[in-house]
Amino acid sequence: MCSFDSALEWRFCETKYPNLSRKVREYYYWDDLEPICIAQYLVKEIKKFGHKKVHLVSWGLDFDLFHPDEPLKPKGDKVRILVEGHNMGEVKDRDGLAWKAIDYVGRDNVEVWGLSSQPAQYEFDEFYQLPPQDMLRRIYSSCDVLIKASRFEGKPAPPFEAMACGCAVVAALNQGHDDLIYGKNCLLSQYSELKLNRNLKKLVEDDSLRRELIANGLEYVKKHFQWSTKIDALEKIFQEAVDG
């Protein structure tokens, strides 16, 4: 039996969610279960239950959907920042670090767009709630920097979608940051106000660094996020399970 697992980190928290945590652990105790995880830390968590086989297979990107495109609005003199996500719930940007980082840089010094599944929580210059998927690339392509702050994620898609569309990335994540490499394809820190502030300021002020991260990000996702390799990996796991 196979199980595909994503964004389960909060369900393993015994101190805050003891009843749910117990049920999750009972579920994963099945001897014949072979969990498939999208992030390395989820593999480590589930291996604690004694499973001999825990697979790591991430998702891929559809490069017909995600690629540099015409901006929705022409860029001006100010760096345009895209804030993705919200501060609702325990696992997301509960402390509002993304907006605090923008205040640190200086709200009047940048243009700020928002993208979220929830209604706007701040005063954005432009905001999109649940836009159609074929519009996402034009939103990413309209912005210079994506800021992603979240306490926990399975493996967040927006940073890599943004890279594929030619947008630099700054992120603050405690977990779920596989494939985010500081100084290579992004500026990454733990979920820390001070570190995120400094990283965003550095990226806003350094045009050369932004261009370098954009170029590296495009190259990285093209190399590591092809769907064909992910499908091959899944098919191999399923075939091995069928063969017994």
Protein backbone atom coordinates (compact mmCIF):
# COMPACT_ATOMS: atom_id res chain seq x y z
CA MET A 1 0.00 0.00 0.00
CA CYS A 2 1.25 3.49 -0.89
CA SER A 3 0.32 6.84 0.62
CA PHE A 4 1.26 10.28 -0.78
CA ASP A 5 2.02 12.81 1.97
CA SER A 6 2.28 16.59 1.80
CA ALA A 7 2.15 19.34 4.45
CA LEU A 8 1.61 16.93 7.34
CA GLU A 9 4.09 18.55 9.74
CA TRP A 10 1.53 20.10 12.09
CA ARG A 11 -0.29 16.79 12.43
CA PHE A 12 2.76 15.23 14.09
CA CYS A 13 2.85 17.86 16.88
CA GLU A 14 2.06 15.95 20.07
CA THR A 15 2.05 18.97 22.38
CA LYS A 16 -0.54 21.04 20.48
CA TYR A 17 -2.56 18.32 18.74
CA PRO A 18 -2.29 15.19 20.92
CA ASN A 19 -5.46 13.46 19.69
CA LEU A 20 -4.77 14.07 16.01
CA SER A 21 -1.12 13.18 16.44
CA ARG A 22 -2.05 9.84 18.00
CA LYS A 23 -4.42 9.01 15.13
CA VAL A 24 -1.80 9.94 12.54
CA ARG A 25 0.80 7.77 14.23
CA GLU A 26 -1.63 4.84 14.40
CA TYR A 27 -2.36 5.27 10.70
CA TYR A 28 1.31 5.24 9.75
CA TYR A 29 1.99 2.17 11.86
CA TRP A 30 0.57 -0.16 9.20
CA ASP A 31 3.28 -2.63 8.27
CA ASP A 32 2.51 -2.72 4.56
CA LEU A 33 2.33 1.07 4.08
CA GLU A 34 4.95 2.70 1.85
CA PRO A 35 4.53 6.47 2.28
CA ILE A 36 5.56 8.79 -0.57
CA CYS A 37 6.60 12.24 0.62
CA ILE A 38 7.33 15.49 -1.21
CA ALA A 39 9.87 16.80 1.31
CA GLN A 40 12.91 15.34 3.03
CA TYR A 41 11.82 16.32 6.54
CA LEU A 42 8.52 14.44 6.07
CA VAL A 43 10.54 11.36 5.14
CA LYS A 44 12.51 11.70 8.39
CA GLU A 45 9.34 12.15 10.47
CA ILE A 46 7.57 9.13 9.03
CA LYS A 47 10.69 6.94 9.27
CA LYS A 48 10.42 7.37 13.04
CA PHE A 49 7.45 5.00 12.92
CA GLY A 50 9.70 2.18 11.77
CA HIS A 51 8.84 1.97 8.09
CA LYS A 52 11.58 0.37 6.02
CA LYS A 53 10.43 2.07 2.79
CA VAL A 54 9.62 5.78 2.72
CA HIS A 55 9.91 7.35 -0.72
CA LEU A 56 10.79 10.92 -1.66
CA VAL A 57 9.16 12.21 -4.86
CA SER A 58 8.53 15.90 -5.32
CA TRP A 59 6.22 17.51 -7.87
CA GLY A 60 7.20 19.05 -11.19
CA LEU A 61 6.34 22.24 -13.05
CA ASP A 62 4.38 22.62 -16.27
CA PHE A 63 6.66 24.91 -18.24
CA ASP A 64 3.87 25.61 -20.73
CA LEU A 65 2.12 27.35 -17.85
CA PHE A 66 5.10 28.79 -15.99
CA HIS A 67 7.61 30.81 -18.00
CA PRO A 68 8.55 34.50 -18.33
CA ASP A 69 5.67 36.47 -19.88
CA GLU A 70 4.42 39.99 -20.50
CA PRO A 71 3.78 41.85 -17.20
CA LEU A 72 0.18 42.70 -16.38
CA LYS A 73 1.34 46.28 -15.80
CA PRO A 74 4.60 47.90 -16.95
CA LYS A 75 7.28 48.03 -14.26
CA GLY A 76 8.27 51.43 -12.90
CA ASP A 77 11.31 52.75 -11.08
CA LYS A 78 10.46 51.01 -7.80
CA VAL A 79 11.23 47.36 -7.14
CA ARG A 80 7.94 45.44 -7.27
CA ILE A 81 7.50 42.86 -4.50
CA LEU A 82 4.95 40.05 -4.60
CA VAL A 83 3.78 38.83 -1.17
CA GLU A 84 2.41 35.30 -1.51
CA GLY A 85 0.31 33.67 1.19
CA HIS A 86 -1.51 34.78 4.33
CA ASN A 87 -1.13 34.87 8.11
CA MET A 88 -4.14 32.73 9.01
CA GLY A 89 -3.51 29.53 10.98
CA GLU A 90 -0.59 28.07 12.87
CA VAL A 91 1.51 26.96 9.92
CA LYS A 92 1.47 29.99 7.61
CA ASP A 93 2.89 33.50 8.17
CA ARG A 94 1.29 33.70 11.59
CA ASP A 95 3.45 36.60 12.73
CA GLY A 96 3.13 38.65 9.54
CA LEU A 97 6.87 38.58 8.84
CA ALA A 98 6.45 39.35 5.14
CA TRP A 99 4.75 42.66 5.82
CA LYS A 100 7.15 43.52 8.62
CA ALA A 101 10.01 43.00 6.17
CA ILE A 102 8.36 45.41 3.72
CA ASP A 103 8.00 47.98 6.49
CA TYR A 104 11.69 47.47 7.27
CA VAL A 105 12.64 48.17 3.64
CA GLY A 106 10.27 51.14 3.56
CA ARG A 107 6.76 50.90 2.18
CA ASP A 108 7.22 54.05 0.10
CA ASN A 109 10.41 52.69 -1.47
CA VAL A 110 8.79 49.68 -3.16
CA GLU A 111 5.62 48.66 -4.97
CA VAL A 112 3.76 45.78 -3.28
CA TRP A 113 1.48 43.23 -4.92
CA GLY A 114 -0.35 40.43 -3.12
CA LEU A 115 -1.34 36.88 -4.08
CA SER A 116 -3.37 34.67 -1.76
CA SER A 117 -6.18 32.17 -1.37
CA GLN A 118 -7.61 34.48 1.31
CA PRO A 119 -8.90 38.09 1.12
CA ALA A 120 -6.30 40.87 1.27
CA GLN A 121 -4.95 41.42 4.77
CA TYR A 122 -2.80 44.44 3.95
CA GLU A 123 -2.93 47.52 1.77
CA PHE A 124 -1.50 46.34 -1.54
CA ASP A 125 -0.89 48.30 -4.71
CA GLU A 126 -2.34 45.33 -6.57
CA PHE A 127 -3.96 42.17 -5.17
CA TYR A 128 -5.07 38.84 -6.65
CA GLN A 129 -7.16 36.27 -4.78
CA LEU A 130 -7.21 32.81 -6.35
CA PRO A 131 -6.47 33.96 -9.91
CA PRO A 132 -6.84 31.43 -12.74
CA GLN A 133 -3.73 29.31 -13.21
CA ASP A 134 -2.95 30.67 -16.65
CA MET A 135 -2.81 34.17 -15.12
CA LEU A 136 -0.27 33.24 -12.46
CA ARG A 137 2.75 33.47 -14.75
CA ARG A 138 1.85 37.03 -15.72
CA ILE A 139 1.56 37.97 -12.05
CA TYR A 140 4.99 36.44 -11.30
CA SER A 141 6.44 37.99 -14.46
CA SER A 142 5.14 41.40 -13.36
CA CYS A 143 7.20 41.35 -10.17
CA ASP A 144 10.90 41.62 -9.34
CA VAL A 145 10.88 39.77 -6.02
CA LEU A 146 8.65 37.11 -4.46
CA ILE A 147 8.58 36.99 -0.66
CA LYS A 148 7.38 33.75 0.91
CA ALA A 149 7.16 33.56 4.71
CA SER A 150 5.61 30.55 6.41
CA ARG A 151 6.29 28.62 9.58
CA PHE A 152 5.79 25.25 7.88
CA GLU A 153 5.09 23.99 4.39
CA GLY A 154 5.08 20.61 2.72
CA LYS A 155 6.99 21.98 -0.25
CA PRO A 156 5.65 25.33 -1.42
CA ALA A 157 5.09 25.74 -5.15
CA PRO A 158 5.08 29.57 -5.44
CA PRO A 159 8.86 30.09 -5.01
CA PHE A 160 9.60 27.68 -7.87
CA GLU A 161 6.74 28.94 -10.05
CA ALA A 162 8.15 32.44 -9.55
CA MET A 163 11.66 31.28 -10.50
CA ALA A 164 10.30 29.74 -13.69
CA CYS A 165 8.76 33.12 -14.55
CA GLY A 166 11.92 35.14 -13.94
CA CYS A 167 11.22 36.47 -10.45
CA ALA A 168 13.84 36.53 -7.65
CA VAL A 169 12.89 34.77 -4.40
CA VAL A 170 13.37 35.57 -0.72
CA ALA A 171 11.94 33.06 1.74
CA ALA A 172 11.61 32.43 5.47
CA LEU A 173 10.61 28.85 6.27
CA ASN A 174 11.19 26.54 9.22
CA GLN A 175 10.39 23.41 7.20
CA GLY A 176 9.58 22.57 3.62
CA HIS A 177 12.51 24.38 2.03
CA ASP A 178 13.92 21.51 -0.06
CA ASP A 179 15.51 22.89 -3.24
CA LEU A 180 15.69 26.44 -1.86
CA ILE A 181 19.43 27.18 -1.74
CA TYR A 182 20.71 30.39 -0.18
CA GLY A 183 22.79 32.43 -2.59
CA LYS A 184 22.10 30.02 -5.46
CA ASN A 185 18.42 30.37 -6.37
CA CYS A 186 17.10 32.50 -3.48
CA LEU A 187 17.86 34.21 -0.18
CA LEU A 188 16.59 31.78 2.47
CA SER A 189 16.34 31.98 6.25
CA GLN A 190 14.46 30.34 9.05
CA TYR A 191 11.15 31.92 10.07
CA SER A 192 12.92 34.89 11.61
CA GLU A 193 11.95 38.56 11.39
CA LEU A 194 15.50 39.89 11.61
CA LYS A 195 16.94 37.57 8.94
CA LEU A 196 14.04 38.04 6.54
CA ASN A 197 14.27 41.82 6.92
CA ARG A 198 17.96 41.81 6.04
CA ASN A 199 17.54 39.44 3.11
CA LEU A 200 14.70 41.43 1.56
CA LYS A 201 16.59 44.69 1.96
CA LYS A 202 19.66 43.14 0.34
CA LEU A 203 17.62 41.88 -2.62
CA VAL A 204 15.78 45.19 -3.10
CA GLU A 205 18.97 47.25 -3.04
CA ASP A 206 21.24 44.98 -5.10
CA ASP A 207 20.18 44.88 -8.76
CA SER A 208 23.08 42.61 -9.68
CA LEU A 209 22.15 40.04 -7.02
CA ARG A 210 18.54 40.01 -8.21
CA ARG A 211 19.62 39.36 -11.79
CA GLU A 212 21.95 36.58 -10.65
CA LEU A 213 19.24 34.83 -8.61
CA ILE A 214 16.75 35.17 -11.46
CA ALA A 215 19.15 33.54 -13.93
CA ASN A 216 20.11 30.80 -11.46
CA GLY A 217 16.48 30.17 -10.53
CA LEU A 218 15.41 29.72 -14.13
CA GLU A 219 18.27 27.28 -14.72
CA TYR A 220 17.56 25.37 -11.50
CA VAL A 221 13.86 24.71 -12.08
CA LYS A 222 14.47 23.68 -15.67
CA LYS A 223 16.96 21.10 -14.43
CA HIS A 224 15.19 19.80 -11.31
CA PHE A 225 11.43 20.24 -11.87
CA GLN A 226 10.73 18.36 -15.10
CA TRP A 227 7.51 16.34 -14.79
CA SER A 228 8.94 13.45 -16.81
CA THR A 229 11.48 12.55 -14.11
CA LYS A 230 8.85 12.77 -11.34
CA ILE A 231 6.44 10.54 -13.27
CA ASP A 232 9.20 8.01 -13.91
CA ALA A 233 9.99 7.90 -10.18
CA LEU A 234 6.34 7.39 -9.23
CA GLU A 235 5.81 4.71 -11.85
CA LYS A 236 8.83 2.82 -10.55
CA ILE A 237 7.47 2.89 -6.98
CA PHE A 238 4.01 1.75 -8.08
CA GLN A 239 5.42 -1.04 -10.24
CA GLU A 240 7.58 -2.32 -7.39
CA ALA A 241 4.52 -2.29 -5.10
CA VAL A 242 2.48 -4.27 -7.68
CA ASP A 243 5.28 -6.76 -8.20
CA GLY A 244 5.46 -7.26 -4.45
